[in-house]
């Protein structure tokens, strides 16, 4: 995982070792949104 913070968003570039289930992706998205709220920024997740 790599985290990048810009002036208007925080982005998480994820490279999982295996395919993620939809539930796992949703959990990661919720966690990223909470982190973005903490920073006062929009959150984005990118997967290959």
C-alpha atoms as a PDB file:
ATOM      1  CA  UNK A   1       0.000   0.000   0.000  1.00  0.00           C
ATOM      2  CA  UNK A   2       1.088   3.516  -0.735  1.00  0.00           C
ATOM      3  CA  UNK A   3      -0.637   6.578   0.684  1.00  0.00           C
ATOM      4  CA  UNK A   4      -0.486   9.928  -1.102  1.00  0.00           C
ATOM      5  CA  UNK A   5      -1.915  13.129   0.326  1.00  0.00           C
ATOM      6  CA  UNK A   6      -2.848  15.961  -2.033  1.00  0.00           C
ATOM      7  CA  UNK A   7      -4.446  19.297  -1.252  1.00  0.00           C
ATOM      8  CA  UNK A   8      -7.967  17.980  -1.869  1.00  0.00           C
ATOM      9  CA  UNK A   9      -7.774  14.196  -1.334  1.00  0.00           C
ATOM     10  CA  UNK A  10      -5.886  11.276   0.137  1.00  0.00           C
ATOM     11  CA  UNK A  11      -5.244   8.300  -2.147  1.00  0.00           C
ATOM     12  CA  UNK A  12      -4.424   4.718  -1.234  1.00  0.00           C
ATOM     13  CA  UNK A  13      -2.755   2.679  -3.981  1.00  0.00           C
ATOM     14  CA  UNK A  14      -3.263  -0.937  -3.004  1.00  0.00           C
ATOM     15  CA  UNK A  15      -1.506  -3.963  -4.423  1.00  0.00           C
ATOM     16  CA  UNK A  16      -2.918  -6.983  -2.607  1.00  0.00           C
ATOM     17  CA  UNK A  17      -1.110 -10.306  -2.781  1.00  0.00           C
ATOM     18  CA  UNK A  18      -4.353 -12.054  -3.695  1.00  0.00           C
ATOM     19  CA  UNK A  19      -7.739 -11.146  -5.105  1.00  0.00           C
ATOM     20  CA  UNK A  20      -9.969  -9.358  -2.608  1.00  0.00           C
ATOM     21  CA  UNK A  21     -13.580 -10.226  -2.034  1.00  0.00           C
ATOM     22  CA  UNK A  22     -16.228  -7.549  -2.513  1.00  0.00           C
ATOM     23  CA  UNK A  23     -16.707  -7.466   1.274  1.00  0.00           C
ATOM     24  CA  UNK A  24     -12.991  -6.846   1.813  1.00  0.00           C
ATOM     25  CA  UNK A  25     -12.961  -4.056  -0.771  1.00  0.00           C
ATOM     26  CA  UNK A  26     -15.976  -2.467   0.905  1.00  0.00           C
ATOM     27  CA  UNK A  27     -14.260  -2.667   4.309  1.00  0.00           C
ATOM     28  CA  UNK A  28     -11.132  -1.009   2.885  1.00  0.00           C
ATOM     29  CA  UNK A  29     -13.249   1.699   1.289  1.00  0.00           C
ATOM     30  CA  UNK A  30     -15.031   2.420   4.581  1.00  0.00           C
ATOM     31  CA  UNK A  31     -11.696   2.604   6.425  1.00  0.00           C
ATOM     32  CA  UNK A  32     -10.290   4.970   3.796  1.00  0.00           C
ATOM     33  CA  UNK A  33     -13.389   7.167   4.056  1.00  0.00           C
ATOM     34  CA  UNK A  34     -12.999   7.380   7.841  1.00  0.00           C
ATOM     35  CA  UNK A  35      -9.346   8.326   7.453  1.00  0.00           C
ATOM     36  CA  UNK A  36     -10.267  10.937   4.858  1.00  0.00           C
ATOM     37  CA  UNK A  37     -12.856  12.399   7.222  1.00  0.00           C
ATOM     38  CA  UNK A  38     -10.205  12.562   9.946  1.00  0.00           C
ATOM     39  CA  UNK A  39      -7.955  14.555   7.607  1.00  0.00           C
ATOM     40  CA  UNK A  40     -10.834  16.606   6.204  1.00  0.00           C
ATOM     41  CA  UNK A  41     -10.155  15.274   2.708  1.00  0.00           C
ATOM     42  CA  UNK A  42     -11.883  13.060   0.170  1.00  0.00           C
ATOM     43  CA  UNK A  43     -10.497   9.507   0.094  1.00  0.00           C
ATOM     44  CA  UNK A  44      -9.738   7.391  -2.957  1.00  0.00           C
ATOM     45  CA  UNK A  45      -8.666   3.769  -3.275  1.00  0.00           C
ATOM     46  CA  UNK A  46      -7.015   2.364  -6.364  1.00  0.00           C
ATOM     47  CA  UNK A  47      -6.650  -1.335  -7.073  1.00  0.00           C
ATOM     48  CA  UNK A  48      -4.834  -2.923 -10.022  1.00  0.00           C
END
